[in-house]
Amino acid sequence: MTRERTEILDDLINFDSNISSLTKELSVFPWDCEQPFLVIGSDNVVKVLDKLSEGEITRKDIEDWANAIECREDVDFESEPVKEIIHELANPLISEDLTTDKIGAFRNELLRS
């Protein structure tokens, strides 16, 4: 059974399934689209940061998650801070280390925006 694009994207932005499986499911859809299907918001990113803090996922998992979202045309960003944080999470080699303090700073920034 083929799932709808929005359902798969929703699972992706909420990290509700294996990222590799979700990106494989999304690969059947065209890369280009005229407008986004979903918007990733502060609450989505905070939820995933909490999963990291609670040990449910790893730093590599969050990097893969952010990479799967960062350049998609079918997902939009609620705000500039959400977009910037996704970029930092997707690119750990050019960002600061993802320490407990950094995760807390991201959470605080997102909860204020």
PDB file of N, CA and C in Angstrom:
ATOM      1  N   MET A   1       0.842  -1.187   0.000  1.00  0.00           N
ATOM      2  CA  MET A   1       0.000   0.000   0.000  1.00  0.00           C
ATOM      3  C   MET A   1       0.886   1.250   0.000  1.00  0.00           C
ATOM      4  N   THR A   2       0.635   2.133  -0.923  1.00  0.00           N
ATOM      5  CA  THR A   2       1.404   3.366  -1.038  1.00  0.00           C
ATOM      6  C   THR A   2       0.800   4.433  -0.132  1.00  0.00           C
ATOM      7  N   ARG A   3       1.642   5.066   0.646  1.00  0.00           N
ATOM      8  CA  ARG A   3       1.166   6.129   1.531  1.00  0.00           C
ATOM      9  C   ARG A   3       1.201   7.471   0.820  1.00  0.00           C
ATOM     10  N   GLU A   4       0.392   8.396   1.278  1.00  0.00           N
ATOM     11  CA  GLU A   4       0.359   9.746   0.732  1.00  0.00           C
ATOM     12  C   GLU A   4       1.620  10.511   1.140  1.00  0.00           C
ATOM     13  N   ARG A   5       2.028  11.411   0.279  1.00  0.00           N
ATOM     14  CA  ARG A   5       3.228  12.210   0.524  1.00  0.00           C
ATOM     15  C   ARG A   5       3.132  12.982   1.839  1.00  0.00           C
ATOM     16  N   THR A   6       1.988  13.594   2.110  1.00  0.00           N
ATOM     17  CA  THR A   6       1.854  14.388   3.337  1.00  0.00           C
ATOM     18  C   THR A   6       1.972  13.516   4.586  1.00  0.00           C
ATOM     19  N   GLU A   7       1.491  12.290   4.526  1.00  0.00           N
ATOM     20  CA  GLU A   7       1.585  11.381   5.663  1.00  0.00           C
ATOM     21  C   GLU A   7       3.053  11.021   5.935  1.00  0.00           C
ATOM     22  N   ILE A   8       3.796  10.763   4.883  1.00  0.00           N
ATOM     23  CA  ILE A   8       5.215  10.431   5.030  1.00  0.00           C
ATOM     24  C   ILE A   8       5.993  11.649   5.542  1.00  0.00           C
ATOM     25  N   LEU A   9       5.702  12.823   4.979  1.00  0.00           N
ATOM     26  CA  LEU A   9       6.365  14.047   5.434  1.00  0.00           C
ATOM     27  C   LEU A   9       6.051  14.338   6.901  1.00  0.00           C
ATOM     28  N   ASP A  10       4.821  14.083   7.312  1.00  0.00           N
ATOM     29  CA  ASP A  10       4.440  14.291   8.704  1.00  0.00           C
ATOM     30  C   ASP A  10       5.253  13.370   9.615  1.00  0.00           C
ATOM     31  N   ASP A  11       5.401  12.108   9.215  1.00  0.00           N
ATOM     32  CA  ASP A  11       6.235  11.179   9.984  1.00  0.00           C
ATOM     33  C   ASP A  11       7.682  11.668  10.025  1.00  0.00           C
ATOM     34  N   LEU A  12       8.157  12.232   8.919  1.00  0.00           N
ATOM     35  CA  LEU A  12       9.524  12.736   8.859  1.00  0.00           C
ATOM     36  C   LEU A  12       9.728  13.914   9.809  1.00  0.00           C
ATOM     37  N   ILE A  13       8.902  14.930   9.717  1.00  0.00           N
ATOM     38  CA  ILE A  13       9.145  16.119  10.539  1.00  0.00           C
ATOM     39  C   ILE A  13       8.931  15.837  12.023  1.00  0.00           C
ATOM     40  N   ASN A  14       8.169  14.799  12.341  1.00  0.00           N
ATOM     41  CA  ASN A  14       7.955  14.423  13.742  1.00  0.00           C
ATOM     42  C   ASN A  14       8.876  13.296  14.206  1.00  0.00           C
ATOM     43  N   PHE A  15       9.745  12.813  13.305  1.00  0.00           N
ATOM     44  CA  PHE A  15      10.660  11.704  13.588  1.00  0.00           C
ATOM     45  C   PHE A  15       9.876  10.527  14.178  1.00  0.00           C
ATOM     46  N   ASP A  16       8.790  10.156  13.496  1.00  0.00           N
ATOM     47  CA  ASP A  16       7.929   9.081  13.966  1.00  0.00           C
ATOM     48  C   ASP A  16       8.239   7.733  13.343  1.00  0.00           C
ATOM     49  N   SER A  17       9.310   7.648  12.594  1.00  0.00           N
ATOM     50  CA  SER A  17       9.696   6.390  11.971  1.00  0.00           C
ATOM     51  C   SER A  17      11.174   6.463  11.604  1.00  0.00           C
ATOM     52  N   ASN A  18      11.691   5.380  11.065  1.00  0.00           N
ATOM     53  CA  ASN A  18      13.075   5.308  10.639  1.00  0.00           C
ATOM     54  C   ASN A  18      13.314   6.288   9.483  1.00  0.00           C
ATOM     55  N   ILE A  19      14.292   7.171   9.633  1.00  0.00           N
ATOM     56  CA  ILE A  19      14.552   8.219   8.633  1.00  0.00           C
ATOM     57  C   ILE A  19      14.923   7.620   7.285  1.00  0.00           C
ATOM     58  N   SER A  20      15.730   6.597   7.281  1.00  0.00           N
ATOM     59  CA  SER A  20      16.124   5.953   6.031  1.00  0.00           C
ATOM     60  C   SER A  20      14.901   5.404   5.288  1.00  0.00           C
ATOM     61  N   SER A  21      14.003   4.776   6.007  1.00  0.00           N
ATOM     62  CA  SER A  21      12.778   4.241   5.394  1.00  0.00           C
ATOM     63  C   SER A  21      11.895   5.366   4.852  1.00  0.00           C
ATOM     64  N   LEU A  22      11.801   6.448   5.612  1.00  0.00           N
ATOM     65  CA  LEU A  22      10.974   7.575   5.171  1.00  0.00           C
ATOM     66  C   LEU A  22      11.549   8.229   3.921  1.00  0.00           C
ATOM     67  N   THR A  23      12.862   8.419   3.886  1.00  0.00           N
ATOM     68  CA  THR A  23      13.458   9.036   2.695  1.00  0.00           C
ATOM     69  C   THR A  23      13.312   8.123   1.482  1.00  0.00           C
ATOM     70  N   LYS A  24      13.363   6.830   1.711  1.00  0.00           N
ATOM     71  CA  LYS A  24      13.140   5.882   0.612  1.00  0.00           C
ATOM     72  C   LYS A  24      11.700   5.989   0.101  1.00  0.00           C
ATOM     73  N   GLU A  25      10.748   6.081   1.014  1.00  0.00           N
ATOM     74  CA  GLU A  25       9.343   6.252   0.616  1.00  0.00           C
ATOM     75  C   GLU A  25       9.146   7.563  -0.158  1.00  0.00           C
ATOM     76  N   LEU A  26       9.808   8.614   0.293  1.00  0.00           N
ATOM     77  CA  LEU A  26       9.666   9.919  -0.366  1.00  0.00           C
ATOM     78  C   LEU A  26      10.346   9.972  -1.722  1.00  0.00           C
ATOM     79  N   SER A  27      11.279   9.071  -1.972  1.00  0.00           N
ATOM     80  CA  SER A  27      12.030   9.102  -3.230  1.00  0.00           C
ATOM     81  C   SER A  27      11.154   8.812  -4.455  1.00  0.00           C
ATOM     82  N   VAL A  28       9.966   8.283  -4.259  1.00  0.00           N
ATOM     83  CA  VAL A  28       9.082   8.012  -5.403  1.00  0.00           C
ATOM     84  C   VAL A  28       8.363   9.275  -5.883  1.00  0.00           C
ATOM     85  N   PHE A  29       8.413  10.325  -5.074  1.00  0.00           N
ATOM     86  CA  PHE A  29       7.755  11.573  -5.438  1.00  0.00           C
ATOM     87  C   PHE A  29       8.759  12.510  -6.103  1.00  0.00           C
ATOM     88  N   PRO A  30       8.297  13.376  -7.010  1.00  0.00           N
ATOM     89  CA  PRO A  30       9.222  14.334  -7.645  1.00  0.00           C
ATOM     90  C   PRO A  30       9.871  15.241  -6.598  1.00  0.00           C
ATOM     91  N   TRP A  31      11.123  15.591  -6.853  1.00  0.00           N
ATOM     92  CA  TRP A  31      11.857  16.459  -5.932  1.00  0.00           C
ATOM     93  C   TRP A  31      11.279  17.876  -5.942  1.00  0.00           C
ATOM     94  N   ASP A  32      11.008  18.392  -7.132  1.00  0.00           N
ATOM     95  CA  ASP A  32      10.492  19.749  -7.273  1.00  0.00           C
ATOM     96  C   ASP A  32       9.004  19.787  -6.965  1.00  0.00           C
ATOM     97  N   CYS A  33       8.583  20.856  -6.331  1.00  0.00           N
ATOM     98  CA  CYS A  33       7.147  21.098  -6.144  1.00  0.00           C
ATOM     99  C   CYS A  33       6.935  22.601  -6.050  1.00  0.00           C
ATOM    100  N   GLU A  34       5.743  23.015  -6.429  1.00  0.00           N
ATOM    101  CA  GLU A  34       5.461  24.452  -6.497  1.00  0.00           C
ATOM    102  C   GLU A  34       5.259  25.079  -5.130  1.00  0.00           C
ATOM    103  N   GLN A  35       4.726  24.305  -4.198  1.00  0.00           N
ATOM    104  CA  GLN A  35       4.521  24.840  -2.855  1.00  0.00           C
ATOM    105  C   GLN A  35       4.680  23.714  -1.840  1.00  0.00           C
ATOM    106  N   PRO A  36       5.060  24.071  -0.619  1.00  0.00           N
ATOM    107  CA  PRO A  36       5.263  23.048   0.405  1.00  0.00           C
ATOM    108  C   PRO A  36       3.952  22.347   0.783  1.00  0.00           C
ATOM    109  N   PHE A  37       4.075  21.100   1.170  1.00  0.00           N
ATOM    110  CA  PHE A  37       2.935  20.333   1.643  1.00  0.00           C
ATOM    111  C   PHE A  37       2.736  20.510   3.145  1.00  0.00           C
ATOM    112  N   LEU A  38       3.843  20.664   3.872  1.00  0.00           N
ATOM    113  CA  LEU A  38       3.804  20.802   5.330  1.00  0.00           C
ATOM    114  C   LEU A  38       4.808  21.850   5.783  1.00  0.00           C
ATOM    115  N   VAL A  39       4.608  22.330   7.003  1.00  0.00           N
ATOM    116  CA  VAL A  39       5.514  23.296   7.619  1.00  0.00           C
ATOM    117  C   VAL A  39       6.093  22.658   8.878  1.00  0.00           C
ATOM    118  N   ILE A  40       7.406  22.726   9.015  1.00  0.00           N
ATOM    119  CA  ILE A  40       8.046  22.252  10.240  1.00  0.00           C
ATOM    120  C   ILE A  40       8.145  23.435  11.189  1.00  0.00           C
ATOM    121  N   GLY A  41       7.668  23.225  12.396  1.00  0.00           N
ATOM    122  CA  GLY A  41       7.630  24.303  13.366  1.00  0.00           C
ATOM    123  C   GLY A  41       8.536  24.063  14.559  1.00  0.00           C
ATOM    124  N   SER A  42       8.571  25.046  15.414  1.00  0.00           N
ATOM    125  CA  SER A  42       9.383  24.973  16.628  1.00  0.00           C
ATOM    126  C   SER A  42       9.037  23.740  17.445  1.00  0.00           C
ATOM    127  N   ASP A  43       7.743  23.449  17.558  1.00  0.00           N
ATOM    128  CA  ASP A  43       7.317  22.311  18.372  1.00  0.00           C
ATOM    129  C   ASP A  43       7.864  20.996  17.828  1.00  0.00           C
ATOM    130  N   ASN A  44       7.946  20.861  16.496  1.00  0.00           N
ATOM    131  CA  ASN A  44       8.507  19.642  15.900  1.00  0.00           C
ATOM    132  C   ASN A  44       9.971  19.485  16.264  1.00  0.00           C
ATOM    133  N   VAL A  45      10.728  20.572  16.168  1.00  0.00           N
ATOM    134  CA  VAL A  45      12.160  20.512  16.444  1.00  0.00           C
ATOM    135  C   VAL A  45      12.408  20.273  17.930  1.00  0.00           C
ATOM    136  N   VAL A  46      11.632  20.927  18.788  1.00  0.00           N
ATOM    137  CA  VAL A  46      11.777  20.718  20.237  1.00  0.00           C
ATOM    138  C   VAL A  46      11.503  19.251  20.576  1.00  0.00           C
ATOM    139  N   LYS A  47      10.486  18.674  19.967  1.00  0.00           N
ATOM    140  CA  LYS A  47      10.149  17.264  20.210  1.00  0.00           C
ATOM    141  C   LYS A  47      11.340  16.359  19.858  1.00  0.00           C
ATOM    142  N   VAL A  48      11.989  16.624  18.731  1.00  0.00           N
ATOM    143  CA  VAL A  48      13.121  15.806  18.312  1.00  0.00           C
ATOM    144  C   VAL A  48      14.332  16.068  19.214  1.00  0.00           C
ATOM    145  N   LEU A  49      14.563  17.313  19.608  1.00  0.00           N
ATOM    146  CA  LEU A  49      15.647  17.604  20.546  1.00  0.00           C
ATOM    147  C   LEU A  49      15.421  16.893  21.877  1.00  0.00           C
ATOM    148  N   ASP A  50      14.174  16.827  22.311  1.00  0.00           N
ATOM    149  CA  ASP A  50      13.848  16.103  23.548  1.00  0.00           C
ATOM    150  C   ASP A  50      14.139  14.612  23.404  1.00  0.00           C
ATOM    151  N   LYS A  51      13.855  14.049  22.236  1.00  0.00           N
ATOM    152  CA  LYS A  51      14.174  12.636  21.994  1.00  0.00           C
ATOM    153  C   LYS A  51      15.674  12.405  22.126  1.00  0.00           C
ATOM    154  N   LEU A  52      16.460  13.354  21.627  1.00  0.00           N
ATOM    155  CA  LEU A  52      17.914  13.257  21.738  1.00  0.00           C
ATOM    156  C   LEU A  52      18.334  13.341  23.206  1.00  0.00           C
ATOM    157  N   SER A  53      17.802  14.307  23.915  1.00  0.00           N
ATOM    158  CA  SER A  53      18.149  14.489  25.329  1.00  0.00           C
ATOM    159  C   SER A  53      17.780  13.276  26.172  1.00  0.00           C
ATOM    160  N   GLU A  54      16.691  12.626  25.818  1.00  0.00           N
ATOM    161  CA  GLU A  54      16.212  11.464  26.580  1.00  0.00           C
ATOM    162  C   GLU A  54      16.874  10.160  26.129  1.00  0.00           C
ATOM    163  N   GLY A  55      17.772  10.238  25.130  1.00  0.00           N
ATOM    164  CA  GLY A  55      18.495   9.060  24.680  1.00  0.00           C
ATOM    165  C   GLY A  55      17.711   8.151  23.743  1.00  0.00           C
ATOM    166  N   GLU A  56      16.572   8.637  23.253  1.00  0.00           N
ATOM    167  CA  GLU A  56      15.769   7.841  22.319  1.00  0.00           C
ATOM    168  C   GLU A  56      16.407   7.782  20.934  1.00  0.00           C
ATOM    169  N   ILE A  57      17.163   8.829  20.600  1.00  0.00           N
ATOM    170  CA  ILE A  57      17.866   8.888  19.321  1.00  0.00           C
ATOM    171  C   ILE A  57      19.294   9.380  19.580  1.00  0.00           C
ATOM    172  N   THR A  58      20.145   9.210  18.574  1.00  0.00           N
ATOM    173  CA  THR A  58      21.545   9.612  18.695  1.00  0.00           C
ATOM    174  C   THR A  58      21.796  10.932  17.954  1.00  0.00           C
ATOM    175  N   ARG A  59      22.989  11.469  18.124  1.00  0.00           N
ATOM    176  CA  ARG A  59      23.386  12.669  17.378  1.00  0.00           C
ATOM    177  C   ARG A  59      23.391  12.387  15.868  1.00  0.00           C
ATOM    178  N   LYS A  60      23.806  11.190  15.493  1.00  0.00           N
ATOM    179  CA  LYS A  60      23.796  10.809  14.075  1.00  0.00           C
ATOM    180  C   LYS A  60      22.353  10.751  13.560  1.00  0.00           C
ATOM    181  N   ASP A  61      21.441  10.240  14.370  1.00  0.00           N
ATOM    182  CA  ASP A  61      20.024  10.198  13.983  1.00  0.00           C
ATOM    183  C   ASP A  61      19.478  11.604  13.722  1.00  0.00           C
ATOM    184  N   ILE A  62      19.811  12.532  14.624  1.00  0.00           N
ATOM    185  CA  ILE A  62      19.289  13.897  14.462  1.00  0.00           C
ATOM    186  C   ILE A  62      19.938  14.580  13.257  1.00  0.00           C
ATOM    187  N   GLU A  63      21.194  14.264  12.992  1.00  0.00           N
ATOM    188  CA  GLU A  63      21.854  14.793  11.791  1.00  0.00           C
ATOM    189  C   GLU A  63      21.161  14.261  10.528  1.00  0.00           C
ATOM    190  N   ASP A  64      20.889  12.969  10.495  1.00  0.00           N
ATOM    191  CA  ASP A  64      20.200  12.372   9.344  1.00  0.00           C
ATOM    192  C   ASP A  64      18.809  12.963   9.174  1.00  0.00           C
ATOM    193  N   TRP A  65      18.118  13.156  10.281  1.00  0.00           N
ATOM    194  CA  TRP A  65      16.775  13.742  10.266  1.00  0.00           C
ATOM    195  C   TRP A  65      16.827  15.155   9.670  1.00  0.00           C
ATOM    196  N   ALA A  66      17.738  15.980  10.171  1.00  0.00           N
ATOM    197  CA  ALA A  66      17.852  17.359   9.694  1.00  0.00           C
ATOM    198  C   ALA A  66      18.258  17.399   8.225  1.00  0.00           C
ATOM    199  N   ASN A  67      19.156  16.507   7.823  1.00  0.00           N
ATOM    200  CA  ASN A  67      19.554  16.426   6.412  1.00  0.00           C
ATOM    201  C   ASN A  67      18.383  16.058   5.521  1.00  0.00           C
ATOM    202  N   ALA A  68      17.526  15.176   6.003  1.00  0.00           N
ATOM    203  CA  ALA A  68      16.373  14.747   5.217  1.00  0.00           C
ATOM    204  C   ALA A  68      15.360  15.875   5.029  1.00  0.00           C
ATOM    205  N   ILE A  69      15.411  16.866   5.900  1.00  0.00           N
ATOM    206  CA  ILE A  69      14.458  17.985   5.858  1.00  0.00           C
ATOM    207  C   ILE A  69      15.041  19.228   5.205  1.00  0.00           C
ATOM    208  N   GLU A  70      16.316  19.488   5.442  1.00  0.00           N
ATOM    209  CA  GLU A  70      16.936  20.785   5.157  1.00  0.00           C
ATOM    210  C   GLU A  70      16.653  21.349   3.761  1.00  0.00           C
ATOM    211  N   CYS A  71      16.800  20.593   2.728  1.00  0.00           N
ATOM    212  CA  CYS A  71      16.701  21.143   1.371  1.00  0.00           C
ATOM    213  C   CYS A  71      15.440  20.707   0.625  1.00  0.00           C
ATOM    214  N   ARG A  72      14.472  20.184   1.327  1.00  0.00           N
ATOM    215  CA  ARG A  72      13.246  19.728   0.674  1.00  0.00           C
ATOM    216  C   ARG A  72      12.401  20.928   0.241  1.00  0.00           C
ATOM    217  N   GLU A  73      11.859  20.861  -0.938  1.00  0.00           N
ATOM    218  CA  GLU A  73      10.950  21.911  -1.411  1.00  0.00           C
ATOM    219  C   GLU A  73       9.530  21.673  -0.927  1.00  0.00           C
ATOM    220  N   ASP A  74       9.243  20.447  -0.486  1.00  0.00           N
ATOM    221  CA  ASP A  74       7.880  20.133  -0.052  1.00  0.00           C
ATOM    222  C   ASP A  74       7.669  20.345   1.443  1.00  0.00           C
ATOM    223  N   VAL A  75       8.700  20.855   2.138  1.00  0.00           N
ATOM    224  CA  VAL A  75       8.598  21.211   3.547  1.00  0.00           C
ATOM    225  C   VAL A  75       9.061  22.652   3.695  1.00  0.00           C
ATOM    226  N   ASP A  76       8.256  23.448   4.379  1.00  0.00           N
ATOM    227  CA  ASP A  76       8.624  24.838   4.644  1.00  0.00           C
ATOM    228  C   ASP A  76       8.961  24.983   6.124  1.00  0.00           C
ATOM    229  N   PHE A  77       9.567  26.096   6.478  1.00  0.00           N
ATOM    230  CA  PHE A  77       9.977  26.357   7.849  1.00  0.00           C
ATOM    231  C   PHE A  77       9.081  27.430   8.449  1.00  0.00           C
ATOM    232  N   GLU A  78       8.623  27.189   9.659  1.00  0.00           N
ATOM    233  CA  GLU A  78       7.749  28.112  10.370  1.00  0.00           C
ATOM    234  C   GLU A  78       8.407  29.469  10.588  1.00  0.00           C
ATOM    235  N   SER A  79       9.721  29.451  10.822  1.00  0.00           N
ATOM    236  CA  SER A  79      10.433  30.689  11.132  1.00  0.00           C
ATOM    237  C   SER A  79      11.901  30.546  10.746  1.00  0.00           C
ATOM    238  N   GLU A  80      12.581  31.667  10.752  1.00  0.00           N
ATOM    239  CA  GLU A  80      14.013  31.663  10.448  1.00  0.00           C
ATOM    240  C   GLU A  80      14.808  30.880  11.501  1.00  0.00           C
ATOM    241  N   PRO A  81      14.477  31.013  12.815  1.00  0.00           N
ATOM    242  CA  PRO A  81      15.210  30.197  13.793  1.00  0.00           C
ATOM    243  C   PRO A  81      15.069  28.691  13.548  1.00  0.00           C
ATOM    244  N   VAL A  82      13.902  28.234  13.150  1.00  0.00           N
ATOM    245  CA  VAL A  82      13.719  26.811  12.846  1.00  0.00           C
ATOM    246  C   VAL A  82      14.621  26.416  11.685  1.00  0.00           C
ATOM    247  N   LYS A  83      14.633  27.229  10.650  1.00  0.00           N
ATOM    248  CA  LYS A  83      15.465  26.947   9.473  1.00  0.00           C
ATOM    249  C   LYS A  83      16.946  26.920   9.847  1.00  0.00           C
ATOM    250  N   GLU A  84      17.390  27.871  10.644  1.00  0.00           N
ATOM    251  CA  GLU A  84      18.801  27.943  11.045  1.00  0.00           C
ATOM    252  C   GLU A  84      19.206  26.752  11.909  1.00  0.00           C
ATOM    253  N   ILE A  85      18.345  26.351  12.819  1.00  0.00           N
ATOM    254  CA  ILE A  85      18.662  25.229  13.695  1.00  0.00           C
ATOM    255  C   ILE A  85      18.696  23.925  12.908  1.00  0.00           C
ATOM    256  N   ILE A  86      17.759  23.741  11.987  1.00  0.00           N
ATOM    257  CA  ILE A  86      17.790  22.555  11.119  1.00  0.00           C
ATOM    258  C   ILE A  86      19.117  22.530  10.352  1.00  0.00           C
ATOM    259  N   HIS A  87      19.535  23.687   9.847  1.00  0.00           N
ATOM    260  CA  HIS A  87      20.809  23.765   9.113  1.00  0.00           C
ATOM    261  C   HIS A  87      21.975  23.361  10.015  1.00  0.00           C
ATOM    262  N   GLU A  88      22.011  23.876  11.229  1.00  0.00           N
ATOM    263  CA  GLU A  88      23.102  23.534  12.146  1.00  0.00           C
ATOM    264  C   GLU A  88      23.098  22.049  12.491  1.00  0.00           C
ATOM    265  N   LEU A  89      21.916  21.487  12.709  1.00  0.00           N
ATOM    266  CA  LEU A  89      21.822  20.063  13.043  1.00  0.00           C
ATOM    267  C   LEU A  89      22.239  19.182  11.867  1.00  0.00           C
ATOM    268  N   ALA A  90      21.953  19.633  10.657  1.00  0.00           N
ATOM    269  CA  ALA A  90      22.289  18.865   9.456  1.00  0.00           C
ATOM    270  C   ALA A  90      23.771  18.947   9.104  1.00  0.00           C
ATOM    271  N   ASN A  91      24.457  19.929   9.643  1.00  0.00           N
ATOM    272  CA  ASN A  91      25.855  20.170   9.274  1.00  0.00           C
ATOM    273  C   ASN A  91      26.750  20.272  10.505  1.00  0.00           C
ATOM    274  N   PRO A  92      26.910  19.187  11.251  1.00  0.00           N
ATOM    275  CA  PRO A  92      27.673  19.269  12.505  1.00  0.00           C
ATOM    276  C   PRO A  92      29.153  19.573  12.315  1.00  0.00           C
ATOM    277  N   LEU A  93      29.692  19.309  11.138  1.00  0.00           N
ATOM    278  CA  LEU A  93      31.112  19.574  10.924  1.00  0.00           C
ATOM    279  C   LEU A  93      31.414  21.067  10.798  1.00  0.00           C
ATOM    280  N   ILE A  94      30.410  21.863  10.451  1.00  0.00           N
ATOM    281  CA  ILE A  94      30.633  23.314  10.337  1.00  0.00           C
ATOM    282  C   ILE A  94      29.921  24.089  11.448  1.00  0.00           C
ATOM    283  N   SER A  95      29.321  23.367  12.379  1.00  0.00           N
ATOM    284  CA  SER A  95      28.603  23.978  13.501  1.00  0.00           C
ATOM    285  C   SER A  95      29.333  23.674  14.801  1.00  0.00           C
ATOM    286  N   GLU A  96      28.848  24.294  15.858  1.00  0.00           N
ATOM    287  CA  GLU A  96      29.384  23.994  17.183  1.00  0.00           C
ATOM    288  C   GLU A  96      28.999  22.571  17.569  1.00  0.00           C
ATOM    289  N   ASP A  97      29.761  21.986  18.498  1.00  0.00           N
ATOM    290  CA  ASP A  97      29.418  20.665  19.005  1.00  0.00           C
ATOM    291  C   ASP A  97      28.010  20.681  19.595  1.00  0.00           C
ATOM    292  N   LEU A  98      27.300  19.600  19.403  1.00  0.00           N
ATOM    293  CA  LEU A  98      25.937  19.493  19.904  1.00  0.00           C
ATOM    294  C   LEU A  98      25.977  18.982  21.345  1.00  0.00           C
ATOM    295  N   THR A  99      26.305  19.888  22.240  1.00  0.00           N
ATOM    296  CA  THR A  99      26.393  19.564  23.666  1.00  0.00           C
ATOM    297  C   THR A  99      25.020  19.703  24.307  1.00  0.00           C
ATOM    298  N   THR A 100      24.941  19.280  25.560  1.00  0.00           N
ATOM    299  CA  THR A 100      23.706  19.442  26.325  1.00  0.00           C
ATOM    300  C   THR A 100      23.344  20.924  26.414  1.00  0.00           C
ATOM    301  N   ASP A 101      24.349  21.776  26.611  1.00  0.00           N
ATOM    302  CA  ASP A 101      24.097  23.221  26.676  1.00  0.00           C
ATOM    303  C   ASP A 101      23.563  23.752  25.346  1.00  0.00           C
ATOM    304  N   LYS A 102      24.131  23.272  24.235  1.00  0.00           N
ATOM    305  CA  LYS A 102      23.697  23.721  22.910  1.00  0.00           C
ATOM    306  C   LYS A 102      22.253  23.272  22.645  1.00  0.00           C
ATOM    307  N   ILE A 103      21.932  22.040  23.012  1.00  0.00           N
ATOM    308  CA  ILE A 103      20.558  21.552  22.864  1.00  0.00           C
ATOM    309  C   ILE A 103      19.606  22.434  23.672  1.00  0.00           C
ATOM    310  N   GLY A 104      20.012  22.775  24.899  1.00  0.00           N
ATOM    311  CA  GLY A 104      19.195  23.661  25.743  1.00  0.00           C
ATOM    312  C   GLY A 104      19.025  25.038  25.124  1.00  0.00           C
ATOM    313  N   ALA A 105      20.092  25.571  24.533  1.00  0.00           N
ATOM    314  CA  ALA A 105      20.023  26.884  23.879  1.00  0.00           C
ATOM    315  C   ALA A 105      19.076  26.831  22.688  1.00  0.00           C
ATOM    316  N   PHE A 106      19.160  25.748  21.891  1.00  0.00           N
ATOM    317  CA  PHE A 106      18.226  25.581  20.767  1.00  0.00           C
ATOM    318  C   PHE A 106      16.788  25.545  21.260  1.00  0.00           C
ATOM    319  N   ARG A 107      16.534  24.750  22.310  1.00  0.00           N
ATOM    320  CA  ARG A 107      15.183  24.632  22.863  1.00  0.00           C
ATOM    321  C   ARG A 107      14.655  26.002  23.304  1.00  0.00           C
ATOM    322  N   ASN A 108      15.499  26.741  24.035  1.00  0.00           N
ATOM    323  CA  ASN A 108      15.095  28.061  24.535  1.00  0.00           C
ATOM    324  C   ASN A 108      14.768  29.007  23.380  1.00  0.00           C
ATOM    325  N   GLU A 109      15.614  29.005  22.359  1.00  0.00           N
ATOM    326  CA  GLU A 109      15.387  29.871  21.208  1.00  0.00           C
ATOM    327  C   GLU A 109      14.066  29.510  20.516  1.00  0.00           C
ATOM    328  N   LEU A 110      13.815  28.230  20.360  1.00  0.00           N
ATOM    329  CA  LEU A 110      12.598  27.787  19.682  1.00  0.00           C
ATOM    330  C   LEU A 110      11.351  28.074  20.518  1.00  0.00           C
ATOM    331  N   LEU A 111      11.450  27.914  21.810  1.00  0.00           N
ATOM    332  CA  LEU A 111      10.285  28.162  22.671  1.00  0.00           C
ATOM    333  C   LEU A 111       9.969  29.652  22.769  1.00  0.00           C
ATOM    334  N   ARG A 112      10.970  30.506  22.525  1.00  0.00           N
ATOM    335  CA  ARG A 112      10.734  31.961  22.513  1.00  0.00           C
ATOM    336  C   ARG A 112      10.152  32.436  21.198  1.00  0.00           C
ATOM    337  N   SER A 113      10.434  31.722  20.109  1.00  0.00           N
ATOM    338  CA  SER A 113      10.019  32.214  18.785  1.00  0.00           C
ATOM    339  C   SER A 113       8.585  31.880  18.454  1.00  0.00           C
TER     340      SER A 113
END
